[in-house]
Amino acid sequence: MTKGNKLFTRRRDRVRSALRKRNKGRLRLSVHRSANNIYAQVIDDDAGKTIASASTLDGDLKGNAGGNAAAAMEVGKLIAARAKKAGVEEVIFDRGGYLFHGRVKALADGAREAGLKF
């Protein structure tokens, strides 16, 4: 494991540890970011199941896919719509080891704009 991967893993574990302490039974909106795409999942940690997921690779977003903030905003709106359809109104945002900036922030803003609370 390279030094950069170790630091990322430590950051991700630190964020998730803090989330577990203040979770209060809410589901987790987890974000993964790659160079070209962004992925989001609503996860029930108690049951170990994914409730809803969305990414820039979805068929619904194929025209607006890509690794930019506009596409991330659309993924946020889509994950919020799918979560609300599954009966989820409130989540806790898990940014992983990523900074809350750029595409990660755009995804969060899109989910909030579509009515998901966190």
PDB file of N, CA and C in Angstrom:
ATOM      1  N   MET A   1       0.848  -1.170   0.000  1.00  0.00           N
ATOM      2  CA  MET A   1       0.000   0.000   0.000  1.00  0.00           C
ATOM      3  C   MET A   1       0.896   1.237   0.000  1.00  0.00           C
ATOM      4  N   THR A   2       0.614   2.152  -0.892  1.00  0.00           N
ATOM      5  CA  THR A   2       1.425   3.363  -0.972  1.00  0.00           C
ATOM      6  C   THR A   2       1.068   4.313   0.169  1.00  0.00           C
ATOM      7  N   LYS A   3       1.906   5.307   0.343  1.00  0.00           N
ATOM      8  CA  LYS A   3       1.681   6.269   1.421  1.00  0.00           C
ATOM      9  C   LYS A   3       0.360   7.010   1.217  1.00  0.00           C
ATOM     10  N   GLY A   4       0.069   7.376  -0.034  1.00  0.00           N
ATOM     11  CA  GLY A   4      -1.187   8.070  -0.321  1.00  0.00           C
ATOM     12  C   GLY A   4      -2.406   7.217   0.008  1.00  0.00           C
ATOM     13  N   ASN A   5      -2.345   5.924  -0.313  1.00  0.00           N
ATOM     14  CA  ASN A   5      -3.452   5.024   0.002  1.00  0.00           C
ATOM     15  C   ASN A   5      -3.619   4.861   1.507  1.00  0.00           C
ATOM     16  N   LYS A   6      -2.515   4.791   2.230  1.00  0.00           N
ATOM     17  CA  LYS A   6      -2.591   4.671   3.684  1.00  0.00           C
ATOM     18  C   LYS A   6      -3.259   5.899   4.295  1.00  0.00           C
ATOM     19  N   LEU A   7      -2.865   7.076   3.810  1.00  0.00           N
ATOM     20  CA  LEU A   7      -3.447   8.308   4.338  1.00  0.00           C
ATOM     21  C   LEU A   7      -4.931   8.393   4.017  1.00  0.00           C
ATOM     22  N   PHE A   8      -5.316   7.996   2.801  1.00  0.00           N
ATOM     23  CA  PHE A   8      -6.726   8.000   2.413  1.00  0.00           C
ATOM     24  C   PHE A   8      -7.523   7.044   3.292  1.00  0.00           C
ATOM     25  N   THR A   9      -6.989   5.860   3.526  1.00  0.00           N
ATOM     26  CA  THR A   9      -7.669   4.861   4.357  1.00  0.00           C
ATOM     27  C   THR A   9      -7.829   5.369   5.791  1.00  0.00           C
ATOM     28  N   ARG A  10      -6.810   6.018   6.327  1.00  0.00           N
ATOM     29  CA  ARG A  10      -6.902   6.572   7.677  1.00  0.00           C
ATOM     30  C   ARG A  10      -7.963   7.658   7.752  1.00  0.00           C
ATOM     31  N   ARG A  11      -8.016   8.531   6.734  1.00  0.00           N
ATOM     32  CA  ARG A  11      -9.031   9.583   6.690  1.00  0.00           C
ATOM     33  C   ARG A  11     -10.436   8.984   6.613  1.00  0.00           C
ATOM     34  N   ARG A  12     -10.611   7.996   5.730  1.00  0.00           N
ATOM     35  CA  ARG A  12     -11.914   7.360   5.569  1.00  0.00           C
ATOM     36  C   ARG A  12     -12.359   6.688   6.870  1.00  0.00           C
ATOM     37  N   ASP A  13     -11.458   5.983   7.523  1.00  0.00           N
ATOM     38  CA  ASP A  13     -11.799   5.312   8.783  1.00  0.00           C
ATOM     39  C   ASP A  13     -12.125   6.317   9.886  1.00  0.00           C
ATOM     40  N   ARG A  14     -11.416   7.437   9.908  1.00  0.00           N
ATOM     41  CA  ARG A  14     -11.673   8.482  10.902  1.00  0.00           C
ATOM     42  C   ARG A  14     -13.057   9.085  10.688  1.00  0.00           C
ATOM     43  N   VAL A  15     -13.422   9.345   9.446  1.00  0.00           N
ATOM     44  CA  VAL A  15     -14.735   9.918   9.141  1.00  0.00           C
ATOM     45  C   VAL A  15     -15.838   8.928   9.516  1.00  0.00           C
ATOM     46  N   ARG A  16     -15.682   7.668   9.159  1.00  0.00           N
ATOM     47  CA  ARG A  16     -16.721   6.670   9.441  1.00  0.00           C
ATOM     48  C   ARG A  16     -16.847   6.407  10.937  1.00  0.00           C
ATOM     49  N   SER A  17     -15.743   6.477  11.661  1.00  0.00           N
ATOM     50  CA  SER A  17     -15.802   6.310  13.109  1.00  0.00           C
ATOM     51  C   SER A  17     -16.613   7.428  13.739  1.00  0.00           C
ATOM     52  N   ALA A  18     -16.391   8.647  13.281  1.00  0.00           N
ATOM     53  CA  ALA A  18     -17.152   9.787  13.805  1.00  0.00           C
ATOM     54  C   ALA A  18     -18.626   9.664  13.445  1.00  0.00           C
ATOM     55  N   LEU A  19     -18.924   9.153  12.258  1.00  0.00           N
ATOM     56  CA  LEU A  19     -20.311   8.977  11.845  1.00  0.00           C
ATOM     57  C   LEU A  19     -21.028   7.943  12.709  1.00  0.00           C
ATOM     58  N   ARG A  20     -20.343   6.870  13.035  1.00  0.00           N
ATOM     59  CA  ARG A  20     -20.953   5.825  13.875  1.00  0.00           C
ATOM     60  C   ARG A  20     -21.329   6.369  15.249  1.00  0.00           C
ATOM     61  N   LYS A  21     -20.545   7.311  15.767  1.00  0.00           N
ATOM     62  CA  LYS A  21     -20.807   7.856  17.094  1.00  0.00           C
ATOM     63  C   LYS A  21     -22.044   8.747  17.122  1.00  0.00           C
ATOM     64  N   ARG A  22     -22.345   9.418  16.010  1.00  0.00           N
ATOM     65  CA  ARG A  22     -23.491  10.322  16.003  1.00  0.00           C
ATOM     66  C   ARG A  22     -24.574   9.890  15.022  1.00  0.00           C
ATOM     67  N   ASN A  23     -24.614   8.626  14.681  1.00  0.00           N
ATOM     68  CA  ASN A  23     -25.525   8.089  13.675  1.00  0.00           C
ATOM     69  C   ASN A  23     -26.991   8.191  14.068  1.00  0.00           C
ATOM     70  N   LYS A  24     -27.349   7.801  15.288  1.00  0.00           N
ATOM     71  CA  LYS A  24     -28.718   7.854  15.814  1.00  0.00           C
ATOM     72  C   LYS A  24     -29.699   7.056  14.954  1.00  0.00           C
ATOM     73  N   GLY A  25     -29.262   5.928  14.425  1.00  0.00           N
ATOM     74  CA  GLY A  25     -30.161   5.048  13.685  1.00  0.00           C
ATOM     75  C   GLY A  25     -30.446   5.449  12.256  1.00  0.00           C
ATOM     76  N   ARG A  26     -29.805   6.488  11.761  1.00  0.00           N
ATOM     77  CA  ARG A  26     -30.042   6.913  10.383  1.00  0.00           C
ATOM     78  C   ARG A  26     -29.251   6.054   9.403  1.00  0.00           C
ATOM     79  N   LEU A  27     -29.713   6.026   8.169  1.00  0.00           N
ATOM     80  CA  LEU A  27     -28.995   5.340   7.109  1.00  0.00           C
ATOM     81  C   LEU A  27     -27.849   6.219   6.635  1.00  0.00           C
ATOM     82  N   ARG A  28     -26.902   5.619   5.927  1.00  0.00           N
ATOM     83  CA  ARG A  28     -25.684   6.321   5.521  1.00  0.00           C
ATOM     84  C   ARG A  28     -25.690   6.551   4.015  1.00  0.00           C
ATOM     85  N   LEU A  29     -25.474   7.785   3.589  1.00  0.00           N
ATOM     86  CA  LEU A  29     -25.301   8.116   2.173  1.00  0.00           C
ATOM     87  C   LEU A  29     -23.804   8.154   1.908  1.00  0.00           C
ATOM     88  N   SER A  30     -23.306   7.109   1.261  1.00  0.00           N
ATOM     89  CA  SER A  30     -21.882   6.947   1.021  1.00  0.00           C
ATOM     90  C   SER A  30     -21.525   7.384  -0.394  1.00  0.00           C
ATOM     91  N   VAL A  31     -20.393   8.061  -0.531  1.00  0.00           N
ATOM     92  CA  VAL A  31     -19.940   8.581  -1.818  1.00  0.00           C
ATOM     93  C   VAL A  31     -18.609   7.952  -2.182  1.00  0.00           C
ATOM     94  N   HIS A  32     -18.490   7.554  -3.451  1.00  0.00           N
ATOM     95  CA  HIS A  32     -17.206   7.103  -3.998  1.00  0.00           C
ATOM     96  C   HIS A  32     -16.958   7.896  -5.261  1.00  0.00           C
ATOM     97  N   ARG A  33     -15.736   8.359  -5.393  1.00  0.00           N
ATOM     98  CA  ARG A  33     -15.382   9.213  -6.522  1.00  0.00           C
ATOM     99  C   ARG A  33     -14.197   8.598  -7.244  1.00  0.00           C
ATOM    100  N   SER A  34     -14.306   8.471  -8.558  1.00  0.00           N
ATOM    101  CA  SER A  34     -13.163   8.052  -9.362  1.00  0.00           C
ATOM    102  C   SER A  34     -12.796   9.206 -10.288  1.00  0.00           C
ATOM    103  N   ALA A  35     -11.829   9.007 -11.134  1.00  0.00           N
ATOM    104  CA  ALA A  35     -11.399  10.080 -12.026  1.00  0.00           C
ATOM    105  C   ALA A  35     -12.496  10.456 -13.017  1.00  0.00           C
ATOM    106  N   ASN A  36     -13.290   9.490 -13.449  1.00  0.00           N
ATOM    107  CA  ASN A  36     -14.277   9.743 -14.497  1.00  0.00           C
ATOM    108  C   ASN A  36     -15.719   9.690 -14.034  1.00  0.00           C
ATOM    109  N   ASN A  37     -16.006   9.115 -12.883  1.00  0.00           N
ATOM    110  CA  ASN A  37     -17.387   8.915 -12.446  1.00  0.00           C
ATOM    111  C   ASN A  37     -17.523   9.180 -10.955  1.00  0.00           C
ATOM    112  N   ILE A  38     -18.779   9.264 -10.523  1.00  0.00           N
ATOM    113  CA  ILE A  38     -19.079   9.411  -9.101  1.00  0.00           C
ATOM    114  C   ILE A  38     -20.241   8.484  -8.780  1.00  0.00           C
ATOM    115  N   TYR A  39     -20.190   7.849  -7.616  1.00  0.00           N
ATOM    116  CA  TYR A  39     -21.159   6.849  -7.213  1.00  0.00           C
ATOM    117  C   TYR A  39     -21.699   7.210  -5.831  1.00  0.00           C
ATOM    118  N   ALA A  40     -22.977   6.905  -5.598  1.00  0.00           N
ATOM    119  CA  ALA A  40     -23.588   7.162  -4.294  1.00  0.00           C
ATOM    120  C   ALA A  40     -24.471   5.980  -3.927  1.00  0.00           C
ATOM    121  N   GLN A  41     -24.481   5.640  -2.639  1.00  0.00           N
ATOM    122  CA  GLN A  41     -25.312   4.554  -2.129  1.00  0.00           C
ATOM    123  C   GLN A  41     -25.923   4.967  -0.805  1.00  0.00           C
ATOM    124  N   VAL A  42     -27.171   4.580  -0.588  1.00  0.00           N
ATOM    125  CA  VAL A  42     -27.798   4.704   0.720  1.00  0.00           C
ATOM    126  C   VAL A  42     -27.725   3.323   1.348  1.00  0.00           C
ATOM    127  N   ILE A  43     -27.032   3.217   2.476  1.00  0.00           N
ATOM    128  CA  ILE A  43     -26.705   1.928   3.075  1.00  0.00           C
ATOM    129  C   ILE A  43     -27.314   1.818   4.460  1.00  0.00           C
ATOM    130  N   ASP A  44     -27.922   0.670   4.742  1.00  0.00           N
ATOM    131  CA  ASP A  44     -28.395   0.337   6.085  1.00  0.00           C
ATOM    132  C   ASP A  44     -27.319  -0.529   6.719  1.00  0.00           C
ATOM    133  N   ASP A  45     -26.510   0.060   7.600  1.00  0.00           N
ATOM    134  CA  ASP A  45     -25.392  -0.663   8.205  1.00  0.00           C
ATOM    135  C   ASP A  45     -25.851  -1.764   9.153  1.00  0.00           C
ATOM    136  N   ASP A  46     -26.997  -1.568   9.811  1.00  0.00           N
ATOM    137  CA  ASP A  46     -27.485  -2.588  10.740  1.00  0.00           C
ATOM    138  C   ASP A  46     -27.855  -3.872  10.010  1.00  0.00           C
ATOM    139  N   ALA A  47     -28.528  -3.731   8.866  1.00  0.00           N
ATOM    140  CA  ALA A  47     -28.939  -4.904   8.087  1.00  0.00           C
ATOM    141  C   ALA A  47     -27.875  -5.318   7.080  1.00  0.00           C
ATOM    142  N   GLY A  48     -26.926  -4.442   6.810  1.00  0.00           N
ATOM    143  CA  GLY A  48     -25.885  -4.753   5.843  1.00  0.00           C
ATOM    144  C   GLY A  48     -26.397  -4.756   4.411  1.00  0.00           C
ATOM    145  N   LYS A  49     -27.343  -3.856   4.105  1.00  0.00           N
ATOM    146  CA  LYS A  49     -27.944  -3.833   2.774  1.00  0.00           C
ATOM    147  C   LYS A  49     -27.890  -2.436   2.172  1.00  0.00           C
ATOM    148  N   THR A  50     -27.816  -2.404   0.843  1.00  0.00           N
ATOM    149  CA  THR A  50     -27.900  -1.159   0.108  1.00  0.00           C
ATOM    150  C   THR A  50     -29.358  -0.903  -0.234  1.00  0.00           C
ATOM    151  N   ILE A  51     -29.872   0.240   0.158  1.00  0.00           N
ATOM    152  CA  ILE A  51     -31.272   0.597  -0.064  1.00  0.00           C
ATOM    153  C   ILE A  51     -31.455   1.209  -1.447  1.00  0.00           C
ATOM    154  N   ALA A  52     -30.564   2.113  -1.841  1.00  0.00           N
ATOM    155  CA  ALA A  52     -30.650   2.782  -3.138  1.00  0.00           C
ATOM    156  C   ALA A  52     -29.243   3.120  -3.608  1.00  0.00           C
ATOM    157  N   SER A  53     -29.080   3.186  -4.919  1.00  0.00           N
ATOM    158  CA  SER A  53     -27.781   3.563  -5.465  1.00  0.00           C
ATOM    159  C   SER A  53     -27.973   4.350  -6.750  1.00  0.00           C
ATOM    160  N   ALA A  54     -26.973   5.158  -7.067  1.00  0.00           N
ATOM    161  CA  ALA A  54     -26.979   5.942  -8.306  1.00  0.00           C
ATOM    162  C   ALA A  54     -25.537   6.271  -8.663  1.00  0.00           C
ATOM    163  N   SER A  55     -25.296   6.442  -9.947  1.00  0.00           N
ATOM    164  CA  SER A  55     -23.968   6.829 -10.404  1.00  0.00           C
ATOM    165  C   SER A  55     -24.085   7.496 -11.757  1.00  0.00           C
ATOM    166  N   THR A  56     -22.972   8.045 -12.217  1.00  0.00           N
ATOM    167  CA  THR A  56     -22.963   8.661 -13.532  1.00  0.00           C
ATOM    168  C   THR A  56     -23.033   7.610 -14.636  1.00  0.00           C
ATOM    169  N   LEU A  57     -22.906   6.346 -14.296  1.00  0.00           N
ATOM    170  CA  LEU A  57     -23.002   5.267 -15.277  1.00  0.00           C
ATOM    171  C   LEU A  57     -24.430   4.777 -15.472  1.00  0.00           C
ATOM    172  N   ASP A  58     -25.382   5.273 -14.669  1.00  0.00           N
ATOM    173  CA  ASP A  58     -26.781   4.859 -14.797  1.00  0.00           C
ATOM    174  C   ASP A  58     -27.342   5.240 -16.155  1.00  0.00           C
ATOM    175  N   GLY A  59     -28.271   4.429 -16.629  1.00  0.00           N
ATOM    176  CA  GLY A  59     -28.925   4.706 -17.899  1.00  0.00           C
ATOM    177  C   GLY A  59     -29.705   5.999 -17.880  1.00  0.00           C
ATOM    178  N   ASP A  60     -30.233   6.376 -16.713  1.00  0.00           N
ATOM    179  CA  ASP A  60     -30.994   7.620 -16.595  1.00  0.00           C
ATOM    180  C   ASP A  60     -30.131   8.858 -16.802  1.00  0.00           C
ATOM    181  N   LEU A  61     -28.833   8.732 -16.578  1.00  0.00           N
ATOM    182  CA  LEU A  61     -27.935   9.885 -16.663  1.00  0.00           C
ATOM    183  C   LEU A  61     -26.921   9.772 -17.794  1.00  0.00           C
ATOM    184  N   LYS A  62     -27.087   8.839 -18.688  1.00  0.00           N
ATOM    185  CA  LYS A  62     -26.082   8.609 -19.726  1.00  0.00           C
ATOM    186  C   LYS A  62     -25.748   9.869 -20.521  1.00  0.00           C
ATOM    187  N   GLY A  63     -26.733  10.696 -20.826  1.00  0.00           N
ATOM    188  CA  GLY A  63     -26.472  11.903 -21.601  1.00  0.00           C
ATOM    189  C   GLY A  63     -25.664  12.935 -20.841  1.00  0.00           C
ATOM    190  N   ASN A  64     -25.789  12.959 -19.509  1.00  0.00           N
ATOM    191  CA  ASN A  64     -25.123  13.961 -18.686  1.00  0.00           C
ATOM    192  C   ASN A  64     -24.021  13.329 -17.841  1.00  0.00           C
ATOM    193  N   ALA A  65     -23.515  12.181 -18.284  1.00  0.00           N
ATOM    194  CA  ALA A  65     -22.507  11.468 -17.495  1.00  0.00           C
ATOM    195  C   ALA A  65     -21.161  12.165 -17.611  1.00  0.00           C
ATOM    196  N   GLY A  66     -20.321  11.906 -16.646  1.00  0.00           N
ATOM    197  CA  GLY A  66     -18.974  12.457 -16.681  1.00  0.00           C
ATOM    198  C   GLY A  66     -18.459  12.756 -15.300  1.00  0.00           C
ATOM    199  N   GLY A  67     -17.236  13.178 -15.248  1.00  0.00           N
ATOM    200  CA  GLY A  67     -16.591  13.447 -13.977  1.00  0.00           C
ATOM    201  C   GLY A  67     -16.587  14.914 -13.638  1.00  0.00           C
ATOM    202  N   ASN A  68     -17.729  15.581 -13.779  1.00  0.00           N
ATOM    203  CA  ASN A  68     -17.776  16.997 -13.456  1.00  0.00           C
ATOM    204  C   ASN A  68     -18.837  17.271 -12.395  1.00  0.00           C
ATOM    205  N   ALA A  69     -18.870  18.490 -11.900  1.00  0.00           N
ATOM    206  CA  ALA A  69     -19.775  18.843 -10.805  1.00  0.00           C
ATOM    207  C   ALA A  69     -21.237  18.815 -11.241  1.00  0.00           C
ATOM    208  N   ALA A  70     -21.516  19.147 -12.495  1.00  0.00           N
ATOM    209  CA  ALA A  70     -22.900  19.122 -12.976  1.00  0.00           C
ATOM    210  C   ALA A  70     -23.449  17.695 -12.964  1.00  0.00           C
ATOM    211  N   ALA A  71     -22.635  16.742 -13.386  1.00  0.00           N
ATOM    212  CA  ALA A  71     -23.053  15.345 -13.363  1.00  0.00           C
ATOM    213  C   ALA A  71     -23.226  14.861 -11.927  1.00  0.00           C
ATOM    214  N   ALA A  72     -22.360  15.298 -11.027  1.00  0.00           N
ATOM    215  CA  ALA A  72     -22.469  14.926  -9.619  1.00  0.00           C
ATOM    216  C   ALA A  72     -23.749  15.476  -9.009  1.00  0.00           C
ATOM    217  N   MET A  73     -24.144  16.677  -9.399  1.00  0.00           N
ATOM    218  CA  MET A  73     -25.396  17.274  -8.927  1.00  0.00           C
ATOM    219  C   MET A  73     -26.582  16.416  -9.378  1.00  0.00           C
ATOM    220  N   GLU A  74     -26.552  15.941 -10.611  1.00  0.00           N
ATOM    221  CA  GLU A  74     -27.624  15.084 -11.127  1.00  0.00           C
ATOM    222  C   GLU A  74     -27.669  13.744 -10.397  1.00  0.00           C
ATOM    223  N   VAL A  75     -26.508  13.190 -10.068  1.00  0.00           N
ATOM    224  CA  VAL A  75     -26.459  11.944  -9.297  1.00  0.00           C
ATOM    225  C   VAL A  75     -27.057  12.170  -7.914  1.00  0.00           C
ATOM    226  N   GLY A  76     -26.781  13.315  -7.310  1.00  0.00           N
ATOM    227  CA  GLY A  76     -27.359  13.641  -6.010  1.00  0.00           C
ATOM    228  C   GLY A  76     -28.874  13.708  -6.061  1.00  0.00           C
ATOM    229  N   LYS A  77     -29.402  14.324  -7.094  1.00  0.00           N
ATOM    230  CA  LYS A  77     -30.858  14.406  -7.243  1.00  0.00           C
ATOM    231  C   LYS A  77     -31.459  13.017  -7.469  1.00  0.00           C
ATOM    232  N   LEU A  78     -30.774  12.192  -8.258  1.00  0.00           N
ATOM    233  CA  LEU A  78     -31.267  10.847  -8.549  1.00  0.00           C
ATOM    234  C   LEU A  78     -31.239   9.962  -7.302  1.00  0.00           C
ATOM    235  N   ILE A  79     -30.175  10.025  -6.515  1.00  0.00           N
ATOM    236  CA  ILE A  79     -30.096   9.197  -5.307  1.00  0.00           C
ATOM    237  C   ILE A  79     -31.150   9.637  -4.299  1.00  0.00           C
ATOM    238  N   ALA A  80     -31.415  10.935  -4.233  1.00  0.00           N
ATOM    239  CA  ALA A  80     -32.457  11.422  -3.323  1.00  0.00           C
ATOM    240  C   ALA A  80     -33.833  10.926  -3.753  1.00  0.00           C
ATOM    241  N   ALA A  81     -34.100  10.950  -5.048  1.00  0.00           N
ATOM    242  CA  ALA A  81     -35.387  10.467  -5.546  1.00  0.00           C
ATOM    243  C   ALA A  81     -35.559   8.976  -5.273  1.00  0.00           C
ATOM    244  N   ARG A  82     -34.500   8.206  -5.493  1.00  0.00           N
ATOM    245  CA  ARG A  82     -34.581   6.758  -5.253  1.00  0.00           C
ATOM    246  C   ARG A  82     -34.696   6.451  -3.769  1.00  0.00           C
ATOM    247  N   ALA A  83     -34.022   7.220  -2.928  1.00  0.00           N
ATOM    248  CA  ALA A  83     -34.117   6.998  -1.486  1.00  0.00           C
ATOM    249  C   ALA A  83     -35.514   7.339  -0.983  1.00  0.00           C
ATOM    250  N   LYS A  84     -36.079   8.433  -1.470  1.00  0.00           N
ATOM    251  CA  LYS A  84     -37.432   8.818  -1.051  1.00  0.00           C
ATOM    252  C   LYS A  84     -38.453   7.787  -1.515  1.00  0.00           C
ATOM    253  N   LYS A  85     -38.233   7.212  -2.684  1.00  0.00           N
ATOM    254  CA  LYS A  85     -39.112   6.164  -3.193  1.00  0.00           C
ATOM    255  C   LYS A  85     -39.048   4.921  -2.295  1.00  0.00           C
ATOM    256  N   ALA A  86     -37.887   4.671  -1.703  1.00  0.00           N
ATOM    257  CA  ALA A  86     -37.698   3.542  -0.793  1.00  0.00           C
ATOM    258  C   ALA A  86     -38.137   3.870   0.626  1.00  0.00           C
ATOM    259  N   GLY A  87     -38.600   5.102   0.857  1.00  0.00           N
ATOM    260  CA  GLY A  87     -39.098   5.480   2.173  1.00  0.00           C
ATOM    261  C   GLY A  87     -38.072   6.106   3.092  1.00  0.00           C
ATOM    262  N   VAL A  88     -36.972   6.562   2.554  1.00  0.00           N
ATOM    263  CA  VAL A  88     -35.910   7.170   3.360  1.00  0.00           C
ATOM    264  C   VAL A  88     -35.998   8.682   3.215  1.00  0.00           C
ATOM    265  N   GLU A  89     -36.135   9.379   4.331  1.00  0.00           N
ATOM    266  CA  GLU A  89     -36.223  10.837   4.316  1.00  0.00           C
ATOM    267  C   GLU A  89     -34.952  11.497   4.849  1.00  0.00           C
ATOM    268  N   GLU A  90     -34.283  10.831   5.809  1.00  0.00           N
ATOM    269  CA  GLU A  90     -33.136  11.432   6.481  1.00  0.00           C
ATOM    270  C   GLU A  90     -31.976  10.447   6.501  1.00  0.00           C
ATOM    271  N   VAL A  91     -30.785  10.935   6.170  1.00  0.00           N
ATOM    272  CA  VAL A  91     -29.582  10.113   6.140  1.00  0.00           C
ATOM    273  C   VAL A  91     -28.455  10.867   6.834  1.00  0.00           C
ATOM    274  N   ILE A  92     -27.333  10.194   6.970  1.00  0.00           N
ATOM    275  CA  ILE A  92     -26.115  10.846   7.429  1.00  0.00           C
ATOM    276  C   ILE A  92     -25.124  10.753   6.275  1.00  0.00           C
ATOM    277  N   PHE A  93     -24.457  11.851   5.956  1.00  0.00           N
ATOM    278  CA  PHE A  93     -23.601  11.931   4.766  1.00  0.00           C
ATOM    279  C   PHE A  93     -22.207  11.414   5.080  1.00  0.00           C
ATOM    280  N   ASP A  94     -21.761  10.406   4.321  1.00  0.00           N
ATOM    281  CA  ASP A  94     -20.438   9.813   4.475  1.00  0.00           C
ATOM    282  C   ASP A  94     -19.602  10.199   3.265  1.00  0.00           C
ATOM    283  N   ARG A  95     -18.723  11.162   3.452  1.00  0.00           N
ATOM    284  CA  ARG A  95     -17.887  11.618   2.345  1.00  0.00           C
ATOM    285  C   ARG A  95     -16.688  10.702   2.123  1.00  0.00           C
ATOM    286  N   GLY A  96     -16.516   9.703   2.967  1.00  0.00           N
ATOM    287  CA  GLY A  96     -15.373   8.814   2.847  1.00  0.00           C
ATOM    288  C   GLY A  96     -14.097   9.552   3.183  1.00  0.00           C
ATOM    289  N   GLY A  97     -13.070   9.343   2.408  1.00  0.00           N
ATOM    290  CA  GLY A  97     -11.804  10.022   2.635  1.00  0.00           C
ATOM    291  C   GLY A  97     -11.655  11.271   1.789  1.00  0.00           C
ATOM    292  N   TYR A  98     -12.723  11.659   1.082  1.00  0.00           N
ATOM    293  CA  TYR A  98     -12.663  12.792   0.174  1.00  0.00           C
ATOM    294  C   TYR A  98     -12.986  14.092   0.905  1.00  0.00           C
ATOM    295  N   LEU A  99     -12.433  15.192   0.427  1.00  0.00           N
ATOM    296  CA  LEU A  99     -12.765  16.493   0.969  1.00  0.00           C
ATOM    297  C   LEU A  99     -14.172  16.876   0.545  1.00  0.00           C
ATOM    298  N   PHE A 100     -14.868  17.622   1.385  1.00  0.00           N
ATOM    299  CA  PHE A 100     -16.206  18.105   1.050  1.00  0.00           C
ATOM    300  C   PHE A 100     -16.041  19.327   0.163  1.00  0.00           C
ATOM    301  N   HIS A 101     -15.733  19.068  -1.096  1.00  0.00           N
ATOM    302  CA  HIS A 101     -15.411  20.131  -2.039  1.00  0.00           C
ATOM    303  C   HIS A 101     -15.626  19.573  -3.443  1.00  0.00           C
ATOM    304  N   GLY A 102     -15.961  20.421  -4.388  1.00  0.00           N
ATOM    305  CA  GLY A 102     -16.067  20.005  -5.778  1.00  0.00           C
ATOM    306  C   GLY A 102     -17.216  19.050  -6.034  1.00  0.00           C
ATOM    307  N   ARG A 103     -16.897  17.888  -6.602  1.00  0.00           N
ATOM    308  CA  ARG A 103     -17.937  16.933  -6.988  1.00  0.00           C
ATOM    309  C   ARG A 103     -18.666  16.348  -5.790  1.00  0.00           C
ATOM    310  N   VAL A 104     -17.964  16.119  -4.687  1.00  0.00           N
ATOM    311  CA  VAL A 104     -18.604  15.565  -3.487  1.00  0.00           C
ATOM    312  C   VAL A 104     -19.614  16.570  -2.933  1.00  0.00           C
ATOM    313  N   LYS A 105     -19.243  17.827  -2.893  1.00  0.00           N
ATOM    314  CA  LYS A 105     -20.150  18.878  -2.425  1.00  0.00           C
ATOM    315  C   LYS A 105     -21.333  19.037  -3.377  1.00  0.00           C
ATOM    316  N   ALA A 106     -21.091  18.954  -4.677  1.00  0.00           N
ATOM    317  CA  ALA A 106     -22.164  19.077  -5.660  1.00  0.00           C
ATOM    318  C   ALA A 106     -23.172  17.940  -5.500  1.00  0.00           C
ATOM    319  N   LEU A 107     -22.697  16.728  -5.238  1.00  0.00           N
ATOM    320  CA  LEU A 107     -23.598  15.593  -5.008  1.00  0.00           C
ATOM    321  C   LEU A 107     -24.447  15.849  -3.766  1.00  0.00           C
ATOM    322  N   ALA A 108     -23.834  16.318  -2.706  1.00  0.00           N
ATOM    323  CA  ALA A 108     -24.569  16.605  -1.467  1.00  0.00           C
ATOM    324  C   ALA A 108     -25.606  17.703  -1.695  1.00  0.00           C
ATOM    325  N   ASP A 109     -25.234  18.741  -2.425  1.00  0.00           N
ATOM    326  CA  ASP A 109     -26.164  19.833  -2.707  1.00  0.00           C
ATOM    327  C   ASP A 109     -27.344  19.352  -3.551  1.00  0.00           C
ATOM    328  N   GLY A 110     -27.070  18.475  -4.513  1.00  0.00           N
ATOM    329  CA  GLY A 110     -28.144  17.926  -5.336  1.00  0.00           C
ATOM    330  C   GLY A 110     -29.104  17.073  -4.531  1.00  0.00           C
ATOM    331  N   ALA A 111     -28.574  16.287  -3.609  1.00  0.00           N
ATOM    332  CA  ALA A 111     -29.427  15.449  -2.762  1.00  0.00           C
ATOM    333  C   ALA A 111     -30.273  16.312  -1.829  1.00  0.00           C
ATOM    334  N   ARG A 112     -29.696  17.362  -1.268  1.00  0.00           N
ATOM    335  CA  ARG A 112     -30.450  18.270  -0.407  1.00  0.00           C
ATOM    336  C   ARG A 112     -31.526  19.008  -1.198  1.00  0.00           C
ATOM    337  N   GLU A 113     -31.179  19.426  -2.395  1.00  0.00           N
ATOM    338  CA  GLU A 113     -32.121  20.146  -3.248  1.00  0.00           C
ATOM    339  C   GLU A 113     -33.337  19.270  -3.605  1.00  0.00           C
ATOM    340  N   ALA A 114     -33.105  17.969  -3.742  1.00  0.00           N
ATOM    341  CA  ALA A 114     -34.175  17.036  -4.084  1.00  0.00           C
ATOM    342  C   ALA A 114     -34.970  16.579  -2.852  1.00  0.00           C
ATOM    343  N   GLY A 115     -34.613  17.062  -1.664  1.00  0.00           N
ATOM    344  CA  GLY A 115     -35.423  16.807  -0.472  1.00  0.00           C
ATOM    345  C   GLY A 115     -34.869  15.838   0.537  1.00  0.00           C
ATOM    346  N   LEU A 116     -33.661  15.342   0.343  1.00  0.00           N
ATOM    347  CA  LEU A 116     -33.050  14.441   1.322  1.00  0.00           C
ATOM    348  C   LEU A 116     -32.455  15.283   2.445  1.00  0.00           C
ATOM    349  N   LYS A 117     -32.684  14.899   3.689  1.00  0.00           N
ATOM    350  CA  LYS A 117     -32.212  15.689   4.830  1.00  0.00           C
ATOM    351  C   LYS A 117     -30.970  15.056   5.441  1.00  0.00           C
ATOM    352  N   PHE A 118     -29.956  15.881   5.669  1.00  0.00           N
ATOM    353  CA  PHE A 118     -28.761  15.492   6.424  1.00  0.00           C
ATOM    354  C   PHE A 118     -27.998  16.710   6.844  1.00  0.00           C
TER     355      PHE A 118
END
